[in-house]
């Protein structure tokens, strides 16, 4: 039987399947056994209470949903007192996603989370595209990424720091390198794609915040390409998020260089998909005689292929 365990820095996970932040809650335990997951990822929290974005906050598309929730929550104190104890009932490591509008508050929030014994990993969400009408965030620029991650890392008190990047950046490889240089222990690639839907009955944007983040199985090839490109340049682990709906998607991400994956849309549509994918992944490996899932990380066979697209194009078909 295959060994599905993976290590993300100092964090050992029993398998590479985790939920994505914002698409999960400890209440899923009413439907699936949360102790079977590789990790538990809490919804992104902010230091102060937030109401979130104006409604409507979600719109359907032909191939997924656009959501603009706006990170509503009751703040750090409520989270530590009421939410963390719920997650602490389960065995997988707790990854706490956090966000802020400015670097000093981000660092302070990190410092407060680092003091909580049951928080195993801090995931700095520097990438949320729905915090303002332009979709701007720290992960859009190398300098902003470097400054934010440097300040956050200084307050982690030894706890692992995972940094969630944005697919909306022009050059995600440069952003990834900046985050690594600033002290990130792992990169989470990637958050949602900034999108727009307009209603044809009243000619108005479908979301109250105008723009939102697209989540869709159709995005997997794009994020997979990003994971592949970043994995070729950084030395720290990567978690791939985007369009995972089946075990083969997990395999693809790992072959591209990811050590684990996050699942959002599939779990939102069907919470049992998370454990089904773990079962199918185990079966897929056993049928092929794969003894350790970690053997798949970065194992794509492409050494004989031309990397420069201009040179490759010149070869013709």
C-alpha atoms as a PDB file:
ATOM      1  CA  UNK A   1       0.000   0.000   0.000  1.00  0.00           C
ATOM      2  CA  UNK A   2       1.265   3.468  -0.915  1.00  0.00           C
ATOM      3  CA  UNK A   3       2.597   5.850   1.722  1.00  0.00           C
ATOM      4  CA  UNK A   4       0.598   9.037   1.095  1.00  0.00           C
ATOM      5  CA  UNK A   5       2.398  11.142   3.711  1.00  0.00           C
ATOM      6  CA  UNK A   6       4.186  14.329   2.677  1.00  0.00           C
ATOM      7  CA  UNK A   7       6.304  16.894   4.488  1.00  0.00           C
ATOM      8  CA  UNK A   8       5.876  20.622   3.961  1.00  0.00           C
ATOM      9  CA  UNK A   9       8.986  21.912   5.679  1.00  0.00           C
ATOM     10  CA  UNK A  10       8.667  20.742   9.282  1.00  0.00           C
ATOM     11  CA  UNK A  11       4.972  19.907   8.943  1.00  0.00           C
ATOM     12  CA  UNK A  12       4.076  16.272   8.271  1.00  0.00           C
ATOM     13  CA  UNK A  13       0.724  15.577   6.615  1.00  0.00           C
ATOM     14  CA  UNK A  14      -0.750  12.099   6.303  1.00  0.00           C
ATOM     15  CA  UNK A  15      -1.679  12.803   2.669  1.00  0.00           C
ATOM     16  CA  UNK A  16      -1.357  15.710   0.226  1.00  0.00           C
ATOM     17  CA  UNK A  17      -5.049  16.664   0.216  1.00  0.00           C
ATOM     18  CA  UNK A  18      -6.191  19.775   2.079  1.00  0.00           C
ATOM     19  CA  UNK A  19      -9.187  22.067   1.709  1.00  0.00           C
ATOM     20  CA  UNK A  20      -8.658  25.556   0.351  1.00  0.00           C
ATOM     21  CA  UNK A  21      -9.158  28.507   2.661  1.00  0.00           C
ATOM     22  CA  UNK A  22     -12.638  29.964   2.468  1.00  0.00           C
ATOM     23  CA  UNK A  23     -14.218  26.760   1.189  1.00  0.00           C
ATOM     24  CA  UNK A  24     -14.130  24.780   4.403  1.00  0.00           C
ATOM     25  CA  UNK A  25     -15.217  24.628   8.053  1.00  0.00           C
ATOM     26  CA  UNK A  26     -14.887  22.225  10.977  1.00  0.00           C
ATOM     27  CA  UNK A  27     -18.633  21.673  10.466  1.00  0.00           C
ATOM     28  CA  UNK A  28     -17.756  19.512   7.457  1.00  0.00           C
ATOM     29  CA  UNK A  29     -17.186  16.818  10.073  1.00  0.00           C
ATOM     30  CA  UNK A  30     -20.951  16.251   9.979  1.00  0.00           C
ATOM     31  CA  UNK A  31     -20.432  14.882   6.458  1.00  0.00           C
ATOM     32  CA  UNK A  32     -16.865  13.528   6.310  1.00  0.00           C
ATOM     33  CA  UNK A  33     -14.212  12.397   8.787  1.00  0.00           C
ATOM     34  CA  UNK A  34     -11.904  15.415   9.050  1.00  0.00           C
ATOM     35  CA  UNK A  35      -9.204  13.256  10.604  1.00  0.00           C
ATOM     36  CA  UNK A  36      -8.623  11.767   7.172  1.00  0.00           C
ATOM     37  CA  UNK A  37      -7.477  15.050   5.598  1.00  0.00           C
ATOM     38  CA  UNK A  38      -3.867  16.070   5.191  1.00  0.00           C
ATOM     39  CA  UNK A  39      -4.503  19.409   6.878  1.00  0.00           C
ATOM     40  CA  UNK A  40      -7.314  21.678   8.055  1.00  0.00           C
ATOM     41  CA  UNK A  41      -7.332  25.157   6.538  1.00  0.00           C
ATOM     42  CA  UNK A  42      -9.413  27.797   8.291  1.00  0.00           C
ATOM     43  CA  UNK A  43     -11.100  30.632   6.449  1.00  0.00           C
ATOM     44  CA  UNK A  44      -8.944  33.741   6.137  1.00  0.00           C
ATOM     45  CA  UNK A  45      -9.231  35.892   9.252  1.00  0.00           C
ATOM     46  CA  UNK A  46      -8.483  39.548   9.848  1.00  0.00           C
ATOM     47  CA  UNK A  47      -7.432  41.190  13.106  1.00  0.00           C
ATOM     48  CA  UNK A  48     -10.549  43.309  13.494  1.00  0.00           C
ATOM     49  CA  UNK A  49     -14.164  42.286  12.797  1.00  0.00           C
ATOM     50  CA  UNK A  50     -15.238  42.737   9.166  1.00  0.00           C
ATOM     51  CA  UNK A  51     -18.675  42.783   7.590  1.00  0.00           C
ATOM     52  CA  UNK A  52     -17.453  41.610   4.205  1.00  0.00           C
ATOM     53  CA  UNK A  53     -18.374  42.877   0.760  1.00  0.00           C
ATOM     54  CA  UNK A  54     -21.821  44.114  -0.298  1.00  0.00           C
ATOM     55  CA  UNK A  55     -24.282  41.564  -1.644  1.00  0.00           C
ATOM     56  CA  UNK A  56     -24.738  39.773  -3.989  1.00  0.00           C
ATOM     57  CA  UNK A  57     -21.495  37.966  -3.190  1.00  0.00           C
ATOM     58  CA  UNK A  58     -21.688  35.056  -5.593  1.00  0.00           C
ATOM     59  CA  UNK A  59     -22.593  34.572  -9.251  1.00  0.00           C
ATOM     60  CA  UNK A  60     -22.722  31.411 -11.323  1.00  0.00           C
ATOM     61  CA  UNK A  61     -20.948  31.007 -14.641  1.00  0.00           C
ATOM     62  CA  UNK A  62     -21.045  28.182 -17.165  1.00  0.00           C
ATOM     63  CA  UNK A  63     -17.833  26.746 -15.716  1.00  0.00           C
ATOM     64  CA  UNK A  64     -17.733  27.701 -12.060  1.00  0.00           C
ATOM     65  CA  UNK A  65     -18.583  30.578  -9.758  1.00  0.00           C
ATOM     66  CA  UNK A  66     -17.390  34.139  -9.189  1.00  0.00           C
ATOM     67  CA  UNK A  67     -17.337  35.046  -5.522  1.00  0.00           C
ATOM     68  CA  UNK A  68     -16.604  38.271  -3.714  1.00  0.00           C
ATOM     69  CA  UNK A  69     -17.111  37.493  -0.043  1.00  0.00           C
ATOM     70  CA  UNK A  70     -14.746  40.116   1.337  1.00  0.00           C
ATOM     71  CA  UNK A  71     -13.350  38.162   4.287  1.00  0.00           C
ATOM     72  CA  UNK A  72     -16.170  38.725   6.808  1.00  0.00           C
ATOM     73  CA  UNK A  73     -15.359  37.622  10.328  1.00  0.00           C
ATOM     74  CA  UNK A  74     -15.460  38.461  14.019  1.00  0.00           C
ATOM     75  CA  UNK A  75     -11.760  39.210  14.466  1.00  0.00           C
ATOM     76  CA  UNK A  76      -8.773  37.519  16.069  1.00  0.00           C
ATOM     77  CA  UNK A  77     -10.133  37.312  19.625  1.00  0.00           C
ATOM     78  CA  UNK A  78     -13.299  35.509  18.610  1.00  0.00           C
ATOM     79  CA  UNK A  79     -11.313  33.224  16.305  1.00  0.00           C
ATOM     80  CA  UNK A  80      -8.880  32.185  19.034  1.00  0.00           C
ATOM     81  CA  UNK A  81     -11.577  31.732  21.691  1.00  0.00           C
ATOM     82  CA  UNK A  82     -14.271  29.996  19.632  1.00  0.00           C
ATOM     83  CA  UNK A  83     -12.963  28.707  16.292  1.00  0.00           C
ATOM     84  CA  UNK A  84      -9.525  27.302  17.142  1.00  0.00           C
ATOM     85  CA  UNK A  85     -10.931  24.995  19.868  1.00  0.00           C
ATOM     86  CA  UNK A  86     -13.285  23.463  17.285  1.00  0.00           C
ATOM     87  CA  UNK A  87     -10.403  22.656  14.937  1.00  0.00           C
ATOM     88  CA  UNK A  88      -8.249  21.417  17.835  1.00  0.00           C
ATOM     89  CA  UNK A  89     -10.609  18.451  18.241  1.00  0.00           C
ATOM     90  CA  UNK A  90      -9.108  16.900  15.114  1.00  0.00           C
ATOM     91  CA  UNK A  91      -5.687  15.408  14.400  1.00  0.00           C
ATOM     92  CA  UNK A  92      -4.508  17.042  11.116  1.00  0.00           C
ATOM     93  CA  UNK A  93      -2.394  20.197  11.438  1.00  0.00           C
ATOM     94  CA  UNK A  94      -4.321  23.458  11.559  1.00  0.00           C
ATOM     95  CA  UNK A  95      -3.321  25.982   8.915  1.00  0.00           C
ATOM     96  CA  UNK A  96      -4.679  29.451   9.710  1.00  0.00           C
ATOM     97  CA  UNK A  97      -5.028  31.828   6.794  1.00  0.00           C
ATOM     98  CA  UNK A  98      -4.793  35.517   7.675  1.00  0.00           C
ATOM     99  CA  UNK A  99      -4.897  38.824   5.852  1.00  0.00           C
ATOM    100  CA  UNK A 100      -4.641  42.558   6.409  1.00  0.00           C
ATOM    101  CA  UNK A 101      -4.849  45.863   4.574  1.00  0.00           C
ATOM    102  CA  UNK A 102      -1.419  47.034   5.712  1.00  0.00           C
ATOM    103  CA  UNK A 103       1.903  45.510   6.673  1.00  0.00           C
ATOM    104  CA  UNK A 104       2.129  46.647  10.337  1.00  0.00           C
ATOM    105  CA  UNK A 105      -1.300  45.183  11.133  1.00  0.00           C
ATOM    106  CA  UNK A 106      -0.404  42.023   9.185  1.00  0.00           C
ATOM    107  CA  UNK A 107       2.693  41.590  11.340  1.00  0.00           C
ATOM    108  CA  UNK A 108       0.730  42.207  14.539  1.00  0.00           C
ATOM    109  CA  UNK A 109      -1.928  39.687  13.536  1.00  0.00           C
ATOM    110  CA  UNK A 110       0.796  37.139  12.815  1.00  0.00           C
ATOM    111  CA  UNK A 111       2.379  37.766  16.210  1.00  0.00           C
ATOM    112  CA  UNK A 112      -0.953  37.142  17.936  1.00  0.00           C
ATOM    113  CA  UNK A 113      -1.620  33.942  15.986  1.00  0.00           C
ATOM    114  CA  UNK A 114       1.899  32.652  16.656  1.00  0.00           C
ATOM    115  CA  UNK A 115       1.124  32.634  20.390  1.00  0.00           C
ATOM    116  CA  UNK A 116      -1.762  30.178  19.946  1.00  0.00           C
ATOM    117  CA  UNK A 117      -0.513  26.625  20.675  1.00  0.00           C
ATOM    118  CA  UNK A 118      -3.104  24.870  18.485  1.00  0.00           C
ATOM    119  CA  UNK A 119      -2.182  26.908  15.395  1.00  0.00           C
ATOM    120  CA  UNK A 120       0.347  24.778  13.510  1.00  0.00           C
ATOM    121  CA  UNK A 121       0.900  26.893  10.379  1.00  0.00           C
ATOM    122  CA  UNK A 122       0.332  30.530   9.492  1.00  0.00           C
ATOM    123  CA  UNK A 123      -0.779  31.068   5.907  1.00  0.00           C
ATOM    124  CA  UNK A 124      -0.295  34.688   4.894  1.00  0.00           C
ATOM    125  CA  UNK A 125      -2.971  35.463   2.338  1.00  0.00           C
ATOM    126  CA  UNK A 126      -1.300  38.338   0.512  1.00  0.00           C
ATOM    127  CA  UNK A 127      -3.360  37.594  -2.581  1.00  0.00           C
ATOM    128  CA  UNK A 128      -7.083  38.125  -2.026  1.00  0.00           C
ATOM    129  CA  UNK A 129      -8.498  39.823  -5.164  1.00  0.00           C
ATOM    130  CA  UNK A 130     -11.726  41.014  -3.563  1.00  0.00           C
ATOM    131  CA  UNK A 131     -10.468  43.389  -0.883  1.00  0.00           C
ATOM    132  CA  UNK A 132     -11.022  46.457  -3.094  1.00  0.00           C
ATOM    133  CA  UNK A 133     -12.481  47.374  -6.466  1.00  0.00           C
ATOM    134  CA  UNK A 134      -9.168  47.124  -8.327  1.00  0.00           C
ATOM    135  CA  UNK A 135      -8.157  43.656  -7.157  1.00  0.00           C
ATOM    136  CA  UNK A 136      -4.827  44.969  -5.926  1.00  0.00           C
ATOM    137  CA  UNK A 137      -2.948  43.132  -3.190  1.00  0.00           C
ATOM    138  CA  UNK A 138       0.572  42.637  -1.856  1.00  0.00           C
ATOM    139  CA  UNK A 139       1.202  39.692  -4.187  1.00  0.00           C
ATOM    140  CA  UNK A 140       0.897  41.825  -7.308  1.00  0.00           C
ATOM    141  CA  UNK A 141       4.352  43.390  -6.921  1.00  0.00           C
ATOM    142  CA  UNK A 142       7.760  42.011  -5.989  1.00  0.00           C
ATOM    143  CA  UNK A 143       8.628  44.831  -3.609  1.00  0.00           C
ATOM    144  CA  UNK A 144       5.276  44.688  -1.802  1.00  0.00           C
ATOM    145  CA  UNK A 145       5.575  40.919  -1.514  1.00  0.00           C
ATOM    146  CA  UNK A 146       9.105  41.133  -0.141  1.00  0.00           C
ATOM    147  CA  UNK A 147       8.211  43.849   2.381  1.00  0.00           C
ATOM    148  CA  UNK A 148       5.066  42.083   3.579  1.00  0.00           C
ATOM    149  CA  UNK A 149       6.614  38.621   3.914  1.00  0.00           C
ATOM    150  CA  UNK A 150       9.713  40.004   5.652  1.00  0.00           C
ATOM    151  CA  UNK A 151       7.575  41.742   8.292  1.00  0.00           C
ATOM    152  CA  UNK A 152       5.271  38.755   8.737  1.00  0.00           C
ATOM    153  CA  UNK A 153       8.108  36.246   8.988  1.00  0.00           C
ATOM    154  CA  UNK A 154       9.733  38.290  11.765  1.00  0.00           C
ATOM    155  CA  UNK A 155       6.633  37.734  13.929  1.00  0.00           C
ATOM    156  CA  UNK A 156       6.050  34.014  13.314  1.00  0.00           C
ATOM    157  CA  UNK A 157       7.923  32.938  16.466  1.00  0.00           C
ATOM    158  CA  UNK A 158       9.255  29.858  14.732  1.00  0.00           C
ATOM    159  CA  UNK A 159       5.941  28.702  13.301  1.00  0.00           C
ATOM    160  CA  UNK A 160       5.924  27.776   9.603  1.00  0.00           C
ATOM    161  CA  UNK A 161       4.907  30.564   7.235  1.00  0.00           C
ATOM    162  CA  UNK A 162       3.080  29.631   4.063  1.00  0.00           C
ATOM    163  CA  UNK A 163       2.462  32.467   1.611  1.00  0.00           C
ATOM    164  CA  UNK A 164      -0.529  32.446  -0.722  1.00  0.00           C
ATOM    165  CA  UNK A 165       0.152  34.063  -4.088  1.00  0.00           C
ATOM    166  CA  UNK A 166      -2.091  35.629  -6.703  1.00  0.00           C
ATOM    167  CA  UNK A 167      -2.557  34.288 -10.246  1.00  0.00           C
ATOM    168  CA  UNK A 168      -3.302  37.866 -11.304  1.00  0.00           C
ATOM    169  CA  UNK A 169       0.333  38.945 -10.995  1.00  0.00           C
ATOM    170  CA  UNK A 170       2.062  39.594 -14.281  1.00  0.00           C
ATOM    171  CA  UNK A 171       5.057  37.409 -13.417  1.00  0.00           C
ATOM    172  CA  UNK A 172       4.255  34.967 -10.642  1.00  0.00           C
ATOM    173  CA  UNK A 173       7.768  33.476 -10.749  1.00  0.00           C
ATOM    174  CA  UNK A 174       9.297  36.798  -9.710  1.00  0.00           C
ATOM    175  CA  UNK A 175       6.707  37.164  -6.942  1.00  0.00           C
ATOM    176  CA  UNK A 176       7.456  33.628  -5.758  1.00  0.00           C
ATOM    177  CA  UNK A 177      11.191  34.276  -5.666  1.00  0.00           C
ATOM    178  CA  UNK A 178      10.598  37.469  -3.677  1.00  0.00           C
ATOM    179  CA  UNK A 179       8.461  35.588  -1.145  1.00  0.00           C
ATOM    180  CA  UNK A 180      11.074  32.846  -0.827  1.00  0.00           C
ATOM    181  CA  UNK A 181      13.875  35.357  -0.340  1.00  0.00           C
ATOM    182  CA  UNK A 182      11.839  37.107   2.372  1.00  0.00           C
ATOM    183  CA  UNK A 183      11.499  33.913   4.389  1.00  0.00           C
ATOM    184  CA  UNK A 184       8.429  31.991   3.177  1.00  0.00           C
ATOM    185  CA  UNK A 185       8.590  28.305   4.115  1.00  0.00           C
ATOM    186  CA  UNK A 186       6.048  27.262   1.486  1.00  0.00           C
ATOM    187  CA  UNK A 187       4.168  28.863  -1.413  1.00  0.00           C
ATOM    188  CA  UNK A 188       0.448  28.381  -2.004  1.00  0.00           C
ATOM    189  CA  UNK A 189      -0.360  28.795  -5.700  1.00  0.00           C
ATOM    190  CA  UNK A 190      -2.822  30.277  -6.268  1.00  0.00           C
ATOM    191  CA  UNK A 191      -5.782  32.350  -5.172  1.00  0.00           C
ATOM    192  CA  UNK A 192      -8.744  33.059  -7.447  1.00  0.00           C
ATOM    193  CA  UNK A 193      -8.726  34.877 -10.784  1.00  0.00           C
ATOM    194  CA  UNK A 194     -10.091  38.425 -10.806  1.00  0.00           C
ATOM    195  CA  UNK A 195     -13.282  38.284 -12.874  1.00  0.00           C
ATOM    196  CA  UNK A 196     -16.440  40.125 -13.863  1.00  0.00           C
ATOM    197  CA  UNK A 197     -19.983  39.086 -14.756  1.00  0.00           C
ATOM    198  CA  UNK A 198     -22.624  41.481 -16.075  1.00  0.00           C
ATOM    199  CA  UNK A 199     -26.325  40.756 -15.894  1.00  0.00           C
ATOM    200  CA  UNK A 200     -28.140  41.079 -19.215  1.00  0.00           C
ATOM    201  CA  UNK A 201     -31.511  41.805 -17.606  1.00  0.00           C
ATOM    202  CA  UNK A 202     -30.480  45.074 -15.964  1.00  0.00           C
ATOM    203  CA  UNK A 203     -27.005  45.711 -17.457  1.00  0.00           C
ATOM    204  CA  UNK A 204     -25.429  45.844 -13.999  1.00  0.00           C
ATOM    205  CA  UNK A 205     -22.502  43.862 -12.571  1.00  0.00           C
ATOM    206  CA  UNK A 206     -23.753  40.633 -10.993  1.00  0.00           C
ATOM    207  CA  UNK A 207     -21.730  41.160  -7.798  1.00  0.00           C
ATOM    208  CA  UNK A 208     -22.158  43.926  -5.269  1.00  0.00           C
ATOM    209  CA  UNK A 209     -18.387  44.483  -5.261  1.00  0.00           C
ATOM    210  CA  UNK A 210     -18.350  44.507  -9.085  1.00  0.00           C
ATOM    211  CA  UNK A 211     -15.298  42.196  -9.384  1.00  0.00           C
ATOM    212  CA  UNK A 212     -14.844  38.789  -7.805  1.00  0.00           C
ATOM    213  CA  UNK A 213     -12.633  35.733  -7.844  1.00  0.00           C
ATOM    214  CA  UNK A 214     -13.376  32.962 -10.342  1.00  0.00           C
ATOM    215  CA  UNK A 215     -13.121  29.384  -9.107  1.00  0.00           C
ATOM    216  CA  UNK A 216     -13.524  26.694 -11.735  1.00  0.00           C
ATOM    217  CA  UNK A 217     -12.170  23.315 -12.846  1.00  0.00           C
ATOM    218  CA  UNK A 218     -11.297  25.052 -16.113  1.00  0.00           C
ATOM    219  CA  UNK A 219      -8.536  26.995 -14.340  1.00  0.00           C
ATOM    220  CA  UNK A 220      -6.449  23.930 -13.487  1.00  0.00           C
ATOM    221  CA  UNK A 221      -4.248  23.989 -16.620  1.00  0.00           C
ATOM    222  CA  UNK A 222      -3.392  27.646 -15.990  1.00  0.00           C
ATOM    223  CA  UNK A 223      -2.490  27.193 -12.326  1.00  0.00           C
ATOM    224  CA  UNK A 224      -0.692  23.948 -13.170  1.00  0.00           C
ATOM    225  CA  UNK A 225       1.513  25.912 -15.543  1.00  0.00           C
ATOM    226  CA  UNK A 226       2.247  28.434 -12.790  1.00  0.00           C
ATOM    227  CA  UNK A 227       3.147  25.692 -10.311  1.00  0.00           C
ATOM    228  CA  UNK A 228       5.431  24.095 -12.876  1.00  0.00           C
ATOM    229  CA  UNK A 229       7.218  27.374 -13.654  1.00  0.00           C
ATOM    230  CA  UNK A 230       7.650  28.346 -10.007  1.00  0.00           C
ATOM    231  CA  UNK A 231       8.813  24.869  -8.983  1.00  0.00           C
ATOM    232  CA  UNK A 232      11.660  25.152 -11.480  1.00  0.00           C
ATOM    233  CA  UNK A 233      12.934  28.275  -9.720  1.00  0.00           C
ATOM    234  CA  UNK A 234      12.314  27.956  -5.971  1.00  0.00           C
ATOM    235  CA  UNK A 235      13.655  25.509  -3.393  1.00  0.00           C
ATOM    236  CA  UNK A 236      10.745  25.615  -0.945  1.00  0.00           C
ATOM    237  CA  UNK A 237       7.618  23.418  -1.168  1.00  0.00           C
ATOM    238  CA  UNK A 238       4.551  24.410  -3.166  1.00  0.00           C
ATOM    239  CA  UNK A 239       0.868  23.711  -2.611  1.00  0.00           C
ATOM    240  CA  UNK A 240      -1.201  23.845  -5.793  1.00  0.00           C
ATOM    241  CA  UNK A 241      -4.761  25.151  -5.702  1.00  0.00           C
ATOM    242  CA  UNK A 242      -7.056  25.431  -8.681  1.00  0.00           C
ATOM    243  CA  UNK A 243      -9.531  23.110 -10.341  1.00  0.00           C
ATOM    244  CA  UNK A 244      -8.793  19.896  -8.441  1.00  0.00           C
ATOM    245  CA  UNK A 245     -11.796  17.600  -8.855  1.00  0.00           C
ATOM    246  CA  UNK A 246     -10.250  14.112  -9.004  1.00  0.00           C
ATOM    247  CA  UNK A 247      -7.202  12.081  -7.975  1.00  0.00           C
ATOM    248  CA  UNK A 248      -5.518  12.534 -11.356  1.00  0.00           C
ATOM    249  CA  UNK A 249      -5.547  16.290 -10.791  1.00  0.00           C
ATOM    250  CA  UNK A 250      -3.565  15.784  -7.587  1.00  0.00           C
ATOM    251  CA  UNK A 251      -1.100  13.625  -9.509  1.00  0.00           C
ATOM    252  CA  UNK A 252      -0.699  16.300 -12.184  1.00  0.00           C
ATOM    253  CA  UNK A 253       0.035  19.004  -9.635  1.00  0.00           C
ATOM    254  CA  UNK A 254       2.601  16.813  -7.906  1.00  0.00           C
ATOM    255  CA  UNK A 255       4.285  15.896 -11.181  1.00  0.00           C
ATOM    256  CA  UNK A 256       4.528  19.630 -11.906  1.00  0.00           C
ATOM    257  CA  UNK A 257       6.326  20.166  -8.599  1.00  0.00           C
ATOM    258  CA  UNK A 258       3.675  20.599  -5.901  1.00  0.00           C
ATOM    259  CA  UNK A 259       3.995  18.722  -2.618  1.00  0.00           C
ATOM    260  CA  UNK A 260       0.279  18.965  -1.834  1.00  0.00           C
ATOM    261  CA  UNK A 261      -2.950  20.452  -3.149  1.00  0.00           C
ATOM    262  CA  UNK A 262      -5.841  22.525  -1.867  1.00  0.00           C
ATOM    263  CA  UNK A 263      -9.410  21.812  -2.918  1.00  0.00           C
ATOM    264  CA  UNK A 264     -12.027  24.551  -3.039  1.00  0.00           C
ATOM    265  CA  UNK A 265     -14.691  24.328  -5.741  1.00  0.00           C
ATOM    266  CA  UNK A 266     -15.042  20.524  -5.676  1.00  0.00           C
ATOM    267  CA  UNK A 267     -15.509  20.516  -1.904  1.00  0.00           C
ATOM    268  CA  UNK A 268     -17.965  23.390  -2.122  1.00  0.00           C
ATOM    269  CA  UNK A 269     -20.010  21.459  -4.662  1.00  0.00           C
ATOM    270  CA  UNK A 270     -19.695  18.128  -2.843  1.00  0.00           C
ATOM    271  CA  UNK A 271     -17.995  17.960   0.596  1.00  0.00           C
ATOM    272  CA  UNK A 272     -17.433  14.219   0.245  1.00  0.00           C
ATOM    273  CA  UNK A 273     -15.158  14.887  -2.740  1.00  0.00           C
ATOM    274  CA  UNK A 274     -12.241  15.515  -0.369  1.00  0.00           C
ATOM    275  CA  UNK A 275     -12.134  12.009   1.091  1.00  0.00           C
ATOM    276  CA  UNK A 276     -13.145  10.420  -2.216  1.00  0.00           C
ATOM    277  CA  UNK A 277     -10.098  11.968  -3.847  1.00  0.00           C
ATOM    278  CA  UNK A 278      -7.876  10.586  -1.065  1.00  0.00           C
ATOM    279  CA  UNK A 279      -9.336   7.094  -1.590  1.00  0.00           C
ATOM    280  CA  UNK A 280      -8.944   7.352  -5.363  1.00  0.00           C
ATOM    281  CA  UNK A 281      -5.388   8.663  -5.027  1.00  0.00           C
ATOM    282  CA  UNK A 282      -4.413   5.680  -2.898  1.00  0.00           C
ATOM    283  CA  UNK A 283      -6.007   3.326  -5.418  1.00  0.00           C
ATOM    284  CA  UNK A 284      -4.318   5.073  -8.353  1.00  0.00           C
ATOM    285  CA  UNK A 285      -0.878   4.683  -6.757  1.00  0.00           C
ATOM    286  CA  UNK A 286      -1.425   1.060  -5.705  1.00  0.00           C
ATOM    287  CA  UNK A 287      -2.506   0.071  -9.206  1.00  0.00           C
ATOM    288  CA  UNK A 288       0.785   1.444 -10.549  1.00  0.00           C
ATOM    289  CA  UNK A 289       3.032   0.087  -7.844  1.00  0.00           C
ATOM    290  CA  UNK A 290       3.933   3.514  -6.459  1.00  0.00           C
ATOM    291  CA  UNK A 291       5.194   3.026  -2.915  1.00  0.00           C
ATOM    292  CA  UNK A 292       5.606   6.664  -1.838  1.00  0.00           C
ATOM    293  CA  UNK A 293       3.485   9.549  -3.079  1.00  0.00           C
ATOM    294  CA  UNK A 294       6.485  11.849  -2.676  1.00  0.00           C
ATOM    295  CA  UNK A 295       8.125  10.066  -5.619  1.00  0.00           C
ATOM    296  CA  UNK A 296       5.694  11.974  -7.840  1.00  0.00           C
ATOM    297  CA  UNK A 297       6.858  15.448  -6.792  1.00  0.00           C
ATOM    298  CA  UNK A 298       8.478  17.119  -9.793  1.00  0.00           C
ATOM    299  CA  UNK A 299       8.623  13.798 -11.668  1.00  0.00           C
ATOM    300  CA  UNK A 300       7.261  15.133 -14.959  1.00  0.00           C
ATOM    301  CA  UNK A 301       9.319  13.718 -17.843  1.00  0.00           C
ATOM    302  CA  UNK A 302      10.315  16.766 -19.845  1.00  0.00           C
ATOM    303  CA  UNK A 303      14.120  16.850 -19.811  1.00  0.00           C
ATOM    304  CA  UNK A 304      14.252  16.219 -23.557  1.00  0.00           C
ATOM    305  CA  UNK A 305      11.822  19.008 -24.412  1.00  0.00           C
ATOM    306  CA  UNK A 306      12.756  22.501 -25.523  1.00  0.00           C
ATOM    307  CA  UNK A 307      11.869  25.075 -22.859  1.00  0.00           C
ATOM    308  CA  UNK A 308      12.181  28.265 -24.915  1.00  0.00           C
ATOM    309  CA  UNK A 309       8.796  28.704 -26.633  1.00  0.00           C
ATOM    310  CA  UNK A 310      10.350  30.644 -29.529  1.00  0.00           C
ATOM    311  CA  UNK A 311      12.860  27.881 -30.207  1.00  0.00           C
ATOM    312  CA  UNK A 312      10.203  25.206 -29.794  1.00  0.00           C
ATOM    313  CA  UNK A 313       7.904  26.991 -32.240  1.00  0.00           C
ATOM    314  CA  UNK A 314      10.673  27.138 -34.836  1.00  0.00           C
ATOM    315  CA  UNK A 315      10.761  23.332 -34.945  1.00  0.00           C
ATOM    316  CA  UNK A 316       7.313  23.239 -36.497  1.00  0.00           C
ATOM    317  CA  UNK A 317       4.928  20.319 -36.184  1.00  0.00           C
END
